[in-house]
Amino acid sequence: MRRLLLPVLAAALALTGCTTGEGSAVDVNNGGEFRFEAGTPRGQVIPPDERATAPEFSGTLLEGEPFSSDELDGDVAVLNFWGSWCPPCRVESPQFQEVYAEVRDRGVQFLGINVKDDQQLARAFEDRQGIEFPSVSDPRGEVALAFRDYPANAIPSTIVLDREGRVAAVYTAEVAQQDLRDVVDLVLAEGD
């Protein structure tokens, strides 16, 4: 029985991925488990008649100003849950900045949700990556918890909201730049 158990345990460890960026779990800052996710799935685009209204949230931007999700009303919104401690975020963030620069004048807002991070490290990360869109500081993961049905506990995660504030698409891993462009264009076209 013991001989059979060891190969099964080894296979289970191999499947769960033990390295950063390969689906490994990390307990960051004493509370809440957040997983690194690898790969670039196309995500889940939700048909308009099946969409649920996104939860309301508020917080403080990394620059110190207050923020409320009401500020997203009427626009397509891309919410990206990230952390400076997240290796896939280093790849994804500059690509998000490029897409943001392309669509910000078309009624699309980008908002980072910086999860389980030190504010100084988060701001340094944004500076290094050249990120121009705002980020809410979420050191205790409270905003991420508000989106637990989608789930935003996989870092990075991205949630796209339509103009009515409903969840239109969910990605629970790094998003390919073209996939992000495609879903933003799709949701923008719904209002035309």
N, C-alpha and C. Protein backbone atom coordinates (compact mmCIF):
# COMPACT_ATOMS: atom_id res chain seq x y z
N MET A 1 0.83 -1.19 0.00
CA MET A 1 0.00 0.00 0.00
C MET A 1 0.87 1.25 0.00
N ARG A 2 1.94 1.24 0.79
CA ARG A 2 2.84 2.38 0.88
C ARG A 2 3.51 2.65 -0.46
N ARG A 3 3.87 1.58 -1.19
CA ARG A 3 4.49 1.75 -2.50
C ARG A 3 3.54 2.43 -3.48
N LEU A 4 2.29 2.15 -3.36
CA LEU A 4 1.28 2.76 -4.23
C LEU A 4 1.04 4.22 -3.85
N LEU A 5 1.09 4.53 -2.58
CA LEU A 5 0.80 5.87 -2.10
C LEU A 5 1.87 6.89 -2.54
N LEU A 6 3.14 6.51 -2.51
CA LEU A 6 4.22 7.45 -2.87
C LEU A 6 4.11 7.94 -4.32
N PRO A 7 3.90 7.08 -5.31
CA PRO A 7 3.75 7.60 -6.68
C PRO A 7 2.51 8.47 -6.84
N VAL A 8 1.45 8.14 -6.14
CA VAL A 8 0.23 8.95 -6.23
C VAL A 8 0.50 10.34 -5.65
N LEU A 9 1.19 10.41 -4.50
CA LEU A 9 1.53 11.71 -3.91
C LEU A 9 2.45 12.51 -4.82
N ALA A 10 3.43 11.86 -5.42
CA ALA A 10 4.35 12.54 -6.34
C ALA A 10 3.61 13.10 -7.54
N ALA A 11 2.69 12.32 -8.07
CA ALA A 11 1.90 12.80 -9.21
C ALA A 11 1.03 13.98 -8.82
N ALA A 12 0.45 13.92 -7.62
CA ALA A 12 -0.40 15.03 -7.16
C ALA A 12 0.42 16.30 -7.01
N LEU A 13 1.63 16.19 -6.46
CA LEU A 13 2.49 17.36 -6.33
C LEU A 13 2.88 17.92 -7.69
N ALA A 14 3.16 17.07 -8.63
CA ALA A 14 3.52 17.53 -9.97
C ALA A 14 2.37 18.26 -10.63
N LEU A 15 1.15 17.77 -10.43
CA LEU A 15 -0.01 18.40 -11.04
C LEU A 15 -0.35 19.74 -10.41
N THR A 16 -0.11 19.92 -9.12
CA THR A 16 -0.47 21.16 -8.46
C THR A 16 0.52 22.27 -8.77
N GLY A 17 1.72 21.95 -9.26
CA GLY A 17 2.68 22.99 -9.60
C GLY A 17 3.27 23.60 -8.36
N CYS A 18 4.54 23.38 -8.14
CA CYS A 18 5.18 23.84 -6.92
C CYS A 18 6.03 25.09 -7.12
N THR A 19 6.09 25.61 -8.32
CA THR A 19 6.94 26.76 -8.55
C THR A 19 6.10 28.01 -8.77
N THR A 20 6.69 29.14 -8.49
CA THR A 20 6.02 30.41 -8.70
C THR A 20 5.62 30.53 -10.14
N GLY A 21 4.40 30.98 -10.36
CA GLY A 21 3.90 31.16 -11.71
C GLY A 21 3.28 29.91 -12.29
N GLU A 22 3.22 28.85 -11.57
CA GLU A 22 2.66 27.60 -12.09
C GLU A 22 1.51 27.13 -11.23
N GLY A 23 0.68 28.01 -10.76
CA GLY A 23 -0.49 27.61 -10.00
C GLY A 23 -0.21 27.39 -8.53
N SER A 24 0.93 27.86 -8.03
CA SER A 24 1.27 27.63 -6.64
C SER A 24 0.53 28.61 -5.74
N ALA A 25 0.25 28.17 -4.52
CA ALA A 25 -0.45 29.02 -3.57
C ALA A 25 0.56 29.75 -2.71
N VAL A 26 0.17 30.93 -2.28
CA VAL A 26 1.04 31.73 -1.46
C VAL A 26 0.18 32.44 -0.43
N ASP A 27 0.57 32.40 0.84
CA ASP A 27 -0.15 33.14 1.86
C ASP A 27 0.60 34.45 2.02
N VAL A 28 -0.02 35.54 1.61
CA VAL A 28 0.66 36.83 1.57
C VAL A 28 0.17 37.69 2.72
N ASN A 29 1.11 38.22 3.49
CA ASN A 29 0.81 39.19 4.54
C ASN A 29 -0.23 38.72 5.55
N ASN A 30 -0.11 37.52 6.05
CA ASN A 30 -0.93 37.04 7.16
C ASN A 30 -2.43 37.07 6.93
N GLY A 31 -2.88 36.52 5.89
CA GLY A 31 -4.34 36.44 5.78
C GLY A 31 -4.78 36.31 4.35
N GLY A 32 -5.49 35.29 4.08
CA GLY A 32 -6.03 35.10 2.74
C GLY A 32 -5.03 34.42 1.85
N GLU A 33 -5.45 33.35 1.25
CA GLU A 33 -4.57 32.64 0.34
C GLU A 33 -4.83 33.15 -1.07
N PHE A 34 -3.78 33.53 -1.75
CA PHE A 34 -3.87 33.96 -3.13
C PHE A 34 -2.96 33.06 -3.94
N ARG A 35 -3.43 32.66 -5.11
CA ARG A 35 -2.68 31.73 -5.95
C ARG A 35 -2.05 32.47 -7.12
N PHE A 36 -0.80 32.11 -7.43
CA PHE A 36 -0.22 32.56 -8.69
C PHE A 36 -0.82 31.69 -9.77
N GLU A 37 -1.16 32.26 -10.91
CA GLU A 37 -1.72 31.49 -12.01
C GLU A 37 -0.86 31.70 -13.24
N ALA A 38 -0.62 30.66 -13.97
CA ALA A 38 0.14 30.73 -15.22
C ALA A 38 -0.77 30.37 -16.38
N GLY A 39 -0.29 30.63 -17.55
CA GLY A 39 -1.07 30.30 -18.74
C GLY A 39 -1.87 31.50 -19.20
N THR A 40 -2.42 31.41 -20.36
CA THR A 40 -3.22 32.49 -20.90
C THR A 40 -4.53 31.92 -21.42
N PRO A 41 -5.44 31.62 -20.52
CA PRO A 41 -6.73 31.11 -20.99
C PRO A 41 -7.51 32.23 -21.65
N ARG A 42 -8.42 31.90 -22.50
CA ARG A 42 -9.24 32.92 -23.13
C ARG A 42 -10.22 33.51 -22.12
N GLY A 43 -10.37 32.86 -21.00
CA GLY A 43 -11.27 33.38 -19.99
C GLY A 43 -12.70 33.02 -20.30
N GLN A 44 -13.60 33.61 -19.57
CA GLN A 44 -15.02 33.35 -19.76
C GLN A 44 -15.71 34.66 -20.10
N VAL A 45 -16.25 34.75 -21.30
CA VAL A 45 -17.07 35.89 -21.68
C VAL A 45 -18.52 35.50 -21.41
N ILE A 46 -19.20 36.34 -20.68
CA ILE A 46 -20.56 36.03 -20.24
C ILE A 46 -21.56 36.70 -21.18
N PRO A 47 -22.51 35.95 -21.73
CA PRO A 47 -23.52 36.55 -22.61
C PRO A 47 -24.30 37.65 -21.87
N PRO A 48 -24.68 38.72 -22.58
CA PRO A 48 -25.35 39.85 -21.93
C PRO A 48 -26.56 39.47 -21.09
N ASP A 49 -27.35 38.51 -21.52
CA ASP A 49 -28.56 38.16 -20.76
C ASP A 49 -28.27 37.28 -19.54
N GLU A 50 -27.01 36.90 -19.32
CA GLU A 50 -26.64 36.09 -18.17
C GLU A 50 -25.76 36.84 -17.18
N ARG A 51 -25.53 38.11 -17.40
CA ARG A 51 -24.60 38.89 -16.57
C ARG A 51 -25.24 39.34 -15.27
N ALA A 52 -24.42 39.31 -14.22
CA ALA A 52 -24.84 39.81 -12.91
C ALA A 52 -24.16 41.15 -12.65
N THR A 53 -24.83 41.98 -11.89
CA THR A 53 -24.26 43.28 -11.51
C THR A 53 -23.04 43.05 -10.62
N ALA A 54 -21.98 43.78 -10.91
CA ALA A 54 -20.76 43.68 -10.10
C ALA A 54 -21.01 44.27 -8.72
N PRO A 55 -20.32 43.75 -7.72
CA PRO A 55 -20.49 44.32 -6.38
C PRO A 55 -19.94 45.75 -6.32
N GLU A 56 -20.54 46.56 -5.48
CA GLU A 56 -20.02 47.90 -5.24
C GLU A 56 -18.83 47.80 -4.30
N PHE A 57 -17.87 48.71 -4.48
CA PHE A 57 -16.71 48.73 -3.60
C PHE A 57 -16.15 50.14 -3.55
N SER A 58 -15.34 50.37 -2.56
CA SER A 58 -14.65 51.65 -2.45
C SER A 58 -13.30 51.40 -1.79
N GLY A 59 -12.47 52.41 -1.84
CA GLY A 59 -11.15 52.27 -1.24
C GLY A 59 -10.35 53.53 -1.47
N THR A 60 -9.06 53.38 -1.30
CA THR A 60 -8.14 54.50 -1.49
C THR A 60 -7.17 54.13 -2.61
N LEU A 61 -7.00 55.06 -3.54
CA LEU A 61 -6.02 54.85 -4.62
C LEU A 61 -4.62 54.88 -4.04
N LEU A 62 -3.68 54.27 -4.74
CA LEU A 62 -2.30 54.26 -4.27
C LEU A 62 -1.76 55.68 -4.09
N GLU A 63 -2.31 56.64 -4.83
CA GLU A 63 -1.88 58.04 -4.71
C GLU A 63 -2.51 58.73 -3.51
N GLY A 64 -3.46 58.06 -2.84
CA GLY A 64 -4.04 58.60 -1.62
C GLY A 64 -5.45 59.14 -1.73
N GLU A 65 -6.00 59.27 -2.94
CA GLU A 65 -7.36 59.79 -3.09
C GLU A 65 -8.39 58.68 -2.88
N PRO A 66 -9.58 59.06 -2.41
CA PRO A 66 -10.64 58.06 -2.26
C PRO A 66 -11.17 57.63 -3.63
N PHE A 67 -11.70 56.40 -3.69
CA PHE A 67 -12.27 55.89 -4.93
C PHE A 67 -13.54 55.12 -4.60
N SER A 68 -14.53 55.26 -5.47
CA SER A 68 -15.77 54.49 -5.36
C SER A 68 -16.06 53.86 -6.72
N SER A 69 -16.58 52.66 -6.71
CA SER A 69 -16.91 51.98 -7.96
C SER A 69 -17.95 52.75 -8.77
N ASP A 70 -18.67 53.68 -8.14
CA ASP A 70 -19.61 54.54 -8.88
C ASP A 70 -18.91 55.32 -9.98
N GLU A 71 -17.62 55.57 -9.82
CA GLU A 71 -16.85 56.33 -10.81
C GLU A 71 -16.70 55.57 -12.13
N LEU A 72 -17.02 54.29 -12.13
CA LEU A 72 -16.93 53.47 -13.35
C LEU A 72 -18.23 53.48 -14.14
N ASP A 73 -19.31 54.01 -13.54
CA ASP A 73 -20.64 53.96 -14.16
C ASP A 73 -20.64 54.54 -15.57
N GLY A 74 -21.27 53.80 -16.48
CA GLY A 74 -21.44 54.25 -17.85
C GLY A 74 -20.31 53.91 -18.80
N ASP A 75 -19.20 53.45 -18.27
CA ASP A 75 -18.05 53.07 -19.09
C ASP A 75 -17.84 51.56 -19.03
N VAL A 76 -17.15 51.04 -20.02
CA VAL A 76 -16.62 49.69 -19.92
C VAL A 76 -15.44 49.80 -18.95
N ALA A 77 -15.31 48.86 -18.05
CA ALA A 77 -14.24 48.91 -17.05
C ALA A 77 -13.47 47.60 -17.03
N VAL A 78 -12.16 47.72 -16.96
CA VAL A 78 -11.26 46.57 -16.84
C VAL A 78 -10.65 46.63 -15.45
N LEU A 79 -11.01 45.67 -14.60
CA LEU A 79 -10.48 45.58 -13.24
C LEU A 79 -9.41 44.50 -13.22
N ASN A 80 -8.20 44.89 -12.85
CA ASN A 80 -7.10 43.94 -12.82
C ASN A 80 -6.60 43.79 -11.39
N PHE A 81 -6.73 42.60 -10.83
CA PHE A 81 -6.27 42.29 -9.48
C PHE A 81 -4.81 41.85 -9.59
N TRP A 82 -3.91 42.57 -8.91
CA TRP A 82 -2.48 42.33 -9.09
C TRP A 82 -1.74 42.57 -7.77
N GLY A 83 -0.48 42.16 -7.76
CA GLY A 83 0.41 42.42 -6.63
C GLY A 83 1.83 42.55 -7.12
N SER A 84 2.63 43.36 -6.47
CA SER A 84 4.04 43.52 -6.86
C SER A 84 4.81 42.22 -6.64
N TRP A 85 4.28 41.33 -5.80
CA TRP A 85 4.89 40.05 -5.47
C TRP A 85 4.53 38.97 -6.49
N CYS A 86 3.76 39.31 -7.52
CA CYS A 86 3.21 38.35 -8.48
C CYS A 86 4.01 38.34 -9.78
N PRO A 87 4.78 37.27 -10.06
CA PRO A 87 5.57 37.23 -11.29
C PRO A 87 4.76 37.40 -12.58
N PRO A 88 3.59 36.76 -12.76
CA PRO A 88 2.84 36.99 -14.00
C PRO A 88 2.39 38.44 -14.17
N CYS A 89 2.22 39.17 -13.06
CA CYS A 89 1.81 40.57 -13.15
C CYS A 89 2.88 41.42 -13.82
N ARG A 90 4.13 41.04 -13.66
CA ARG A 90 5.23 41.78 -14.30
C ARG A 90 5.17 41.69 -15.81
N VAL A 91 4.65 40.58 -16.32
CA VAL A 91 4.49 40.40 -17.76
C VAL A 91 3.23 41.11 -18.24
N GLU A 92 2.16 40.95 -17.50
CA GLU A 92 0.85 41.44 -17.90
C GLU A 92 0.71 42.97 -17.81
N SER A 93 1.28 43.59 -16.79
CA SER A 93 1.05 45.02 -16.53
C SER A 93 1.45 45.93 -17.68
N PRO A 94 2.64 45.80 -18.27
CA PRO A 94 2.95 46.71 -19.39
C PRO A 94 2.05 46.47 -20.60
N GLN A 95 1.58 45.24 -20.78
CA GLN A 95 0.66 44.95 -21.88
C GLN A 95 -0.69 45.61 -21.62
N PHE A 96 -1.14 45.60 -20.36
CA PHE A 96 -2.38 46.28 -20.01
C PHE A 96 -2.24 47.78 -20.26
N GLN A 97 -1.08 48.34 -19.93
CA GLN A 97 -0.85 49.76 -20.16
C GLN A 97 -0.98 50.10 -21.65
N GLU A 98 -0.46 49.24 -22.52
CA GLU A 98 -0.56 49.48 -23.96
C GLU A 98 -2.02 49.48 -24.41
N VAL A 99 -2.81 48.51 -23.94
CA VAL A 99 -4.22 48.46 -24.32
C VAL A 99 -4.95 49.66 -23.75
N TYR A 100 -4.65 50.02 -22.51
CA TYR A 100 -5.27 51.19 -21.88
C TYR A 100 -5.01 52.44 -22.73
N ALA A 101 -3.78 52.64 -23.17
CA ALA A 101 -3.44 53.81 -23.99
C ALA A 101 -4.24 53.83 -25.29
N GLU A 102 -4.56 52.65 -25.82
CA GLU A 102 -5.32 52.55 -27.07
C GLU A 102 -6.80 52.85 -26.89
N VAL A 103 -7.38 52.52 -25.73
CA VAL A 103 -8.84 52.57 -25.58
C VAL A 103 -9.36 53.59 -24.56
N ARG A 104 -8.51 54.26 -23.85
CA ARG A 104 -8.97 55.15 -22.77
C ARG A 104 -9.86 56.28 -23.26
N ASP A 105 -9.73 56.67 -24.52
CA ASP A 105 -10.56 57.74 -25.07
C ASP A 105 -11.83 57.20 -25.73
N ARG A 106 -12.10 55.91 -25.56
CA ARG A 106 -13.28 55.29 -26.18
C ARG A 106 -14.32 54.87 -25.14
N GLY A 107 -14.25 55.43 -23.94
CA GLY A 107 -15.22 55.07 -22.91
C GLY A 107 -14.83 53.81 -22.15
N VAL A 108 -13.52 53.60 -21.99
CA VAL A 108 -13.03 52.44 -21.26
C VAL A 108 -12.13 52.92 -20.12
N GLN A 109 -12.42 52.46 -18.93
CA GLN A 109 -11.56 52.76 -17.78
C GLN A 109 -10.84 51.49 -17.35
N PHE A 110 -9.60 51.64 -16.93
CA PHE A 110 -8.84 50.56 -16.33
C PHE A 110 -8.65 50.92 -14.86
N LEU A 111 -8.77 49.92 -14.00
CA LEU A 111 -8.53 50.11 -12.58
C LEU A 111 -7.79 48.90 -12.05
N GLY A 112 -6.63 49.14 -11.48
CA GLY A 112 -5.91 48.07 -10.80
C GLY A 112 -6.45 47.92 -9.39
N ILE A 113 -6.44 46.71 -8.91
CA ILE A 113 -6.77 46.43 -7.50
C ILE A 113 -5.52 45.76 -6.95
N ASN A 114 -4.73 46.52 -6.19
CA ASN A 114 -3.47 46.02 -5.66
C ASN A 114 -3.74 45.25 -4.37
N VAL A 115 -3.56 43.93 -4.44
CA VAL A 115 -3.97 43.02 -3.37
C VAL A 115 -2.77 42.57 -2.53
N LYS A 116 -2.98 42.61 -1.21
CA LYS A 116 -2.02 42.04 -0.25
C LYS A 116 -0.61 42.57 -0.48
N ASP A 117 -0.49 43.87 -0.55
CA ASP A 117 0.78 44.48 -0.92
C ASP A 117 1.07 45.67 -0.02
N ASP A 118 2.31 46.04 0.05
CA ASP A 118 2.76 47.25 0.71
C ASP A 118 2.60 48.40 -0.29
N GLN A 119 2.04 49.51 0.14
CA GLN A 119 1.75 50.62 -0.77
C GLN A 119 3.01 51.15 -1.44
N GLN A 120 4.09 51.23 -0.72
CA GLN A 120 5.34 51.73 -1.31
C GLN A 120 5.86 50.78 -2.39
N LEU A 121 5.79 49.47 -2.15
CA LEU A 121 6.21 48.49 -3.15
C LEU A 121 5.30 48.54 -4.37
N ALA A 122 4.01 48.72 -4.13
CA ALA A 122 3.05 48.79 -5.23
C ALA A 122 3.31 50.02 -6.11
N ARG A 123 3.54 51.15 -5.50
CA ARG A 123 3.81 52.37 -6.29
C ARG A 123 5.11 52.24 -7.06
N ALA A 124 6.13 51.64 -6.46
CA ALA A 124 7.40 51.43 -7.17
C ALA A 124 7.19 50.50 -8.36
N PHE A 125 6.36 49.48 -8.18
CA PHE A 125 6.04 48.55 -9.27
C PHE A 125 5.39 49.30 -10.42
N GLU A 126 4.39 50.13 -10.12
CA GLU A 126 3.71 50.90 -11.16
C GLU A 126 4.68 51.83 -11.89
N ASP A 127 5.56 52.46 -11.14
CA ASP A 127 6.55 53.36 -11.76
C ASP A 127 7.47 52.59 -12.70
N ARG A 128 7.98 51.44 -12.25
CA ARG A 128 8.87 50.60 -13.09
C ARG A 128 8.16 50.12 -14.34
N GLN A 129 6.87 49.78 -14.22
CA GLN A 129 6.12 49.23 -15.35
C GLN A 129 5.51 50.32 -16.24
N GLY A 130 5.58 51.58 -15.82
CA GLY A 130 5.02 52.67 -16.61
C GLY A 130 3.50 52.69 -16.64
N ILE A 131 2.88 52.26 -15.56
CA ILE A 131 1.42 52.17 -15.48
C ILE A 131 0.83 53.56 -15.22
N GLU A 132 -0.10 53.97 -16.06
CA GLU A 132 -0.73 55.28 -15.94
C GLU A 132 -2.14 55.21 -15.37
N PHE A 133 -2.78 54.05 -15.41
CA PHE A 133 -4.14 53.96 -14.87
C PHE A 133 -4.08 53.77 -13.36
N PRO A 134 -5.12 54.20 -12.65
CA PRO A 134 -5.09 54.15 -11.18
C PRO A 134 -5.24 52.74 -10.63
N SER A 135 -4.80 52.59 -9.39
CA SER A 135 -4.99 51.33 -8.66
C SER A 135 -5.49 51.63 -7.26
N VAL A 136 -6.46 50.83 -6.83
CA VAL A 136 -6.95 50.89 -5.46
C VAL A 136 -6.03 50.01 -4.61
N SER A 137 -5.65 50.52 -3.47
CA SER A 137 -4.87 49.74 -2.51
C SER A 137 -5.82 48.83 -1.75
N ASP A 138 -5.57 47.52 -1.80
CA ASP A 138 -6.43 46.53 -1.14
C ASP A 138 -5.56 45.60 -0.29
N PRO A 139 -4.88 46.16 0.73
CA PRO A 139 -3.90 45.37 1.47
C PRO A 139 -4.48 44.16 2.20
N ARG A 140 -5.76 44.22 2.56
CA ARG A 140 -6.38 43.09 3.27
C ARG A 140 -7.22 42.21 2.35
N GLY A 141 -7.24 42.54 1.06
CA GLY A 141 -7.99 41.72 0.11
C GLY A 141 -9.49 41.89 0.20
N GLU A 142 -9.97 43.01 0.73
CA GLU A 142 -11.41 43.21 0.92
C GLU A 142 -12.15 43.38 -0.41
N VAL A 143 -11.56 44.12 -1.36
CA VAL A 143 -12.21 44.28 -2.66
C VAL A 143 -12.21 42.93 -3.39
N ALA A 144 -11.09 42.22 -3.30
CA ALA A 144 -11.03 40.89 -3.91
C ALA A 144 -12.12 39.99 -3.33
N LEU A 145 -12.35 40.08 -2.04
CA LEU A 145 -13.40 39.28 -1.41
C LEU A 145 -14.79 39.66 -1.93
N ALA A 146 -15.01 40.92 -2.24
CA ALA A 146 -16.30 41.34 -2.79
C ALA A 146 -16.58 40.64 -4.11
N PHE A 147 -15.52 40.28 -4.84
CA PHE A 147 -15.64 39.60 -6.14
C PHE A 147 -15.42 38.09 -6.01
N ARG A 148 -15.59 37.54 -4.83
CA ARG A 148 -15.29 36.13 -4.59
C ARG A 148 -16.08 35.17 -5.47
N ASP A 149 -17.19 35.59 -6.01
CA ASP A 149 -17.98 34.71 -6.87
C ASP A 149 -17.34 34.53 -8.24
N TYR A 150 -16.27 35.27 -8.55
CA TYR A 150 -15.78 35.26 -9.94
C TYR A 150 -14.50 34.49 -10.24
N PRO A 151 -13.59 34.06 -9.51
CA PRO A 151 -13.05 34.48 -8.23
C PRO A 151 -11.84 35.38 -8.44
N ALA A 152 -11.70 36.37 -7.62
CA ALA A 152 -10.57 37.29 -7.74
C ALA A 152 -9.45 36.94 -6.78
N ASN A 153 -9.47 35.72 -6.22
CA ASN A 153 -8.38 35.34 -5.32
C ASN A 153 -7.23 34.69 -6.06
N ALA A 154 -7.37 34.52 -7.37
CA ALA A 154 -6.24 34.08 -8.20
C ALA A 154 -5.59 35.36 -8.71
N ILE A 155 -4.32 35.49 -8.46
CA ILE A 155 -3.60 36.70 -8.85
C ILE A 155 -2.60 36.35 -9.93
N PRO A 156 -2.65 36.96 -11.10
CA PRO A 156 -3.57 38.03 -11.47
C PRO A 156 -4.93 37.49 -11.88
N SER A 157 -5.94 38.32 -11.70
CA SER A 157 -7.29 38.09 -12.21
C SER A 157 -7.74 39.38 -12.87
N THR A 158 -8.59 39.23 -13.87
CA THR A 158 -9.11 40.40 -14.57
C THR A 158 -10.61 40.21 -14.78
N ILE A 159 -11.36 41.25 -14.46
CA ILE A 159 -12.80 41.24 -14.63
C ILE A 159 -13.16 42.44 -15.49
N VAL A 160 -13.91 42.19 -16.55
CA VAL A 160 -14.35 43.26 -17.44
C VAL A 160 -15.83 43.52 -17.17
N LEU A 161 -16.15 44.78 -16.94
CA LEU A 161 -17.54 45.18 -16.70
C LEU A 161 -18.09 45.89 -17.93
N ASP A 162 -19.36 45.65 -18.24
CA ASP A 162 -19.98 46.36 -19.34
C ASP A 162 -20.44 47.73 -18.87
N ARG A 163 -21.03 48.50 -19.76
CA ARG A 163 -21.44 49.88 -19.43
C ARG A 163 -22.52 49.93 -18.36
N GLU A 164 -23.22 48.83 -18.14
CA GLU A 164 -24.26 48.76 -17.11
C GLU A 164 -23.72 48.27 -15.77
N GLY A 165 -22.41 48.11 -15.67
CA GLY A 165 -21.80 47.67 -14.42
C GLY A 165 -21.97 46.20 -14.14
N ARG A 166 -22.20 45.41 -15.19
CA ARG A 166 -22.35 43.96 -15.04
C ARG A 166 -21.06 43.26 -15.45
N VAL A 167 -20.80 42.11 -14.85
CA VAL A 167 -19.59 41.35 -15.16
C VAL A 167 -19.77 40.71 -16.54
N ALA A 168 -18.92 41.14 -17.49
CA ALA A 168 -19.00 40.69 -18.88
C ALA A 168 -17.96 39.63 -19.21
N ALA A 169 -16.84 39.63 -18.49
CA ALA A 169 -15.78 38.64 -18.75
C ALA A 169 -14.93 38.48 -17.50
N VAL A 170 -14.41 37.26 -17.33
CA VAL A 170 -13.59 36.93 -16.17
C VAL A 170 -12.39 36.12 -16.62
N TYR A 171 -11.21 36.56 -16.21
CA TYR A 171 -9.97 35.83 -16.46
C TYR A 171 -9.33 35.55 -15.10
N THR A 172 -8.95 34.32 -14.83
CA THR A 172 -8.34 33.98 -13.54
C THR A 172 -6.89 33.58 -13.72
N ALA A 173 -6.22 34.21 -14.66
CA ALA A 173 -4.79 34.02 -14.90
C ALA A 173 -4.32 35.18 -15.75
N GLU A 174 -3.06 35.17 -16.10
CA GLU A 174 -2.51 36.20 -16.98
C GLU A 174 -3.32 36.24 -18.28
N VAL A 175 -3.64 37.44 -18.74
CA VAL A 175 -4.44 37.62 -19.95
C VAL A 175 -3.52 38.03 -21.10
N ALA A 176 -3.64 37.34 -22.21
CA ALA A 176 -2.89 37.74 -23.40
C ALA A 176 -3.40 39.09 -23.88
N GLN A 177 -2.49 39.92 -24.34
CA GLN A 177 -2.84 41.26 -24.76
C GLN A 177 -3.94 41.27 -25.82
N GLN A 178 -3.85 40.38 -26.80
CA GLN A 178 -4.86 40.35 -27.86
C GLN A 178 -6.21 39.89 -27.32
N ASP A 179 -6.21 38.96 -26.37
CA ASP A 179 -7.47 38.53 -25.75
C ASP A 179 -8.14 39.72 -25.06
N LEU A 180 -7.34 40.55 -24.37
CA LEU A 180 -7.89 41.71 -23.69
C LEU A 180 -8.46 42.70 -24.70
N ARG A 181 -7.73 42.95 -25.77
CA ARG A 181 -8.25 43.85 -26.82
C ARG A 181 -9.57 43.32 -27.37
N ASP A 182 -9.61 42.03 -27.67
CA ASP A 182 -10.80 41.43 -28.26
C ASP A 182 -12.02 41.57 -27.36
N VAL A 183 -11.86 41.30 -26.06
CA VAL A 183 -13.02 41.35 -25.17
C VAL A 183 -13.45 42.80 -24.95
N VAL A 184 -12.51 43.73 -24.87
CA VAL A 184 -12.87 45.14 -24.73
C VAL A 184 -13.64 45.61 -25.96
N ASP A 185 -13.14 45.25 -27.15
CA ASP A 185 -13.84 45.62 -28.40
C ASP A 185 -15.24 45.00 -28.45
N LEU A 186 -15.36 43.76 -28.01
CA LEU A 186 -16.65 43.08 -28.00
C LEU A 186 -17.65 43.80 -27.12
N VAL A 187 -17.22 44.14 -25.89
CA VAL A 187 -18.11 44.79 -24.94
C VAL A 187 -18.42 46.23 -25.39
N LEU A 188 -17.44 46.90 -25.96
CA LEU A 188 -17.70 48.25 -26.50
C LEU A 188 -18.74 48.21 -27.61
N ALA A 189 -18.66 47.21 -28.47
CA ALA A 189 -19.57 47.11 -29.61
C ALA A 189 -21.02 46.85 -29.17
N GLU A 190 -21.23 46.34 -27.97
CA GLU A 190 -22.57 46.07 -27.50
C GLU A 190 -23.40 47.35 -27.34
N GLY A 191 -22.74 48.45 -27.11
CA GLY A 191 -23.46 49.70 -26.93
C GLY A 191 -23.70 50.45 -28.22
N ASP A 192 -23.18 49.94 -29.33
CA ASP A 192 -23.32 50.64 -30.62
C ASP A 192 -24.60 50.28 -31.32
